[in-house]
């Protein structure tokens, strides 16, 4: 999960803030905790779906795949590493 945090989650949040897709008024405060409103949550989940379906050229296989597919591939690599002691290579872009 951690290797996808900067690629998917962090870049999505920064992009949404920079493009003003999420605004301060879409947060509610209760007992010192902040939460997205229903509308803000809907916008975030729509943006997440777009991001997870974005495609890039996979550095190992050389073909285009989505982040969703890459997560599945990395899970399979991790499984092989744990079961067969095959070296695990994390997904790194750029």
Protein backbone atom coordinates (compact mmCIF):
# COMPACT_ATOMS: atom_id res chain seq x y z
CA UNK A 1 0.00 0.00 0.00
CA UNK A 2 2.74 2.45 0.92
CA UNK A 3 4.39 2.42 -2.49
CA UNK A 4 1.13 3.67 -4.02
CA UNK A 5 0.49 6.41 -1.45
CA UNK A 6 2.64 9.06 -3.21
CA UNK A 7 1.64 7.88 -6.71
CA UNK A 8 -2.11 7.85 -6.15
CA UNK A 9 -3.30 9.29 -2.83
CA UNK A 10 -0.85 12.13 -2.24
CA UNK A 11 -0.83 13.31 -5.85
CA UNK A 12 -4.63 13.20 -5.96
CA UNK A 13 -5.06 15.29 -2.79
CA UNK A 14 -2.48 17.87 -3.90
CA UNK A 15 -4.05 18.07 -7.36
CA UNK A 16 -7.55 18.55 -5.93
CA UNK A 17 -6.34 21.34 -3.65
CA UNK A 18 -4.31 23.07 -6.37
CA UNK A 19 -7.19 22.87 -8.87
CA UNK A 20 -9.67 23.98 -6.21
CA UNK A 21 -11.80 20.86 -6.68
CA UNK A 22 -12.13 20.68 -2.89
CA UNK A 23 -12.93 23.89 -1.05
CA UNK A 24 -12.74 24.74 2.68
CA UNK A 25 -16.54 24.97 2.91
CA UNK A 26 -16.78 21.27 1.98
CA UNK A 27 -15.33 20.36 5.38
CA UNK A 28 -17.28 20.19 8.61
CA UNK A 29 -15.78 20.41 12.10
CA UNK A 30 -17.01 18.45 15.08
CA UNK A 31 -15.17 18.14 18.40
CA UNK A 32 -11.91 19.25 16.79
CA UNK A 33 -12.08 16.73 13.94
CA UNK A 34 -12.64 17.74 10.33
CA UNK A 35 -14.62 15.67 7.85
CA UNK A 36 -15.61 16.05 4.24
CA UNK A 37 -19.24 16.86 3.65
CA UNK A 38 -21.31 14.40 1.63
CA UNK A 39 -20.74 16.52 -1.50
CA UNK A 40 -17.00 16.79 -0.82
CA UNK A 41 -16.75 13.04 -0.29
CA UNK A 42 -18.60 12.45 -3.56
CA UNK A 43 -16.18 14.76 -5.42
CA UNK A 44 -13.17 13.07 -3.82
CA UNK A 45 -14.36 9.56 -4.72
CA UNK A 46 -15.06 10.60 -8.32
CA UNK A 47 -11.56 12.07 -8.58
CA UNK A 48 -10.10 8.93 -6.99
CA UNK A 49 -11.82 6.74 -9.60
CA UNK A 50 -10.39 8.91 -12.38
CA UNK A 51 -6.89 8.72 -10.84
CA UNK A 52 -6.93 4.97 -10.21
CA UNK A 53 -7.91 4.43 -13.86
CA UNK A 54 -5.17 6.73 -15.22
CA UNK A 55 -2.67 4.84 -17.32
CA UNK A 56 1.12 4.92 -17.41
CA UNK A 57 3.84 2.84 -19.04
CA UNK A 58 4.78 0.04 -16.65
CA UNK A 59 8.56 0.19 -16.06
CA UNK A 60 8.98 -3.61 -15.89
CA UNK A 61 6.58 -4.81 -18.59
CA UNK A 62 6.78 -1.84 -20.94
CA UNK A 63 3.05 -1.68 -21.66
CA UNK A 64 0.43 0.82 -20.54
CA UNK A 65 -1.60 -0.11 -17.48
CA UNK A 66 -3.79 1.64 -14.94
CA UNK A 67 -2.87 2.18 -11.31
CA UNK A 68 -5.65 -0.28 -10.48
CA UNK A 69 -3.93 -2.97 -12.58
CA UNK A 70 -0.51 -2.02 -11.18
CA UNK A 71 -1.76 -2.57 -7.62
CA UNK A 72 -2.88 -6.05 -8.63
CA UNK A 73 0.48 -6.76 -10.29
CA UNK A 74 2.41 -5.60 -7.23
CA UNK A 75 0.25 -7.77 -4.98
CA UNK A 76 1.12 -10.75 -7.19
CA UNK A 77 4.83 -9.84 -7.04
CA UNK A 78 4.63 -9.62 -3.25
CA UNK A 79 2.90 -13.00 -3.12
CA UNK A 80 5.68 -14.56 -5.20
CA UNK A 81 8.27 -12.94 -2.96
CA UNK A 82 6.65 -14.33 0.19
CA UNK A 83 5.97 -17.81 -1.20
CA UNK A 84 8.89 -18.40 -3.56
CA UNK A 85 11.53 -15.95 -2.30
CA UNK A 86 11.57 -14.15 -5.69
CA UNK A 87 13.10 -10.67 -5.29
CA UNK A 88 10.47 -7.97 -4.83
CA UNK A 89 10.88 -4.78 -6.83
CA UNK A 90 8.64 -1.86 -5.79
CA UNK A 91 6.90 0.15 -8.49
CA UNK A 92 8.80 3.38 -9.04
CA UNK A 93 7.86 5.88 -11.73
CA UNK A 94 10.23 8.51 -13.14
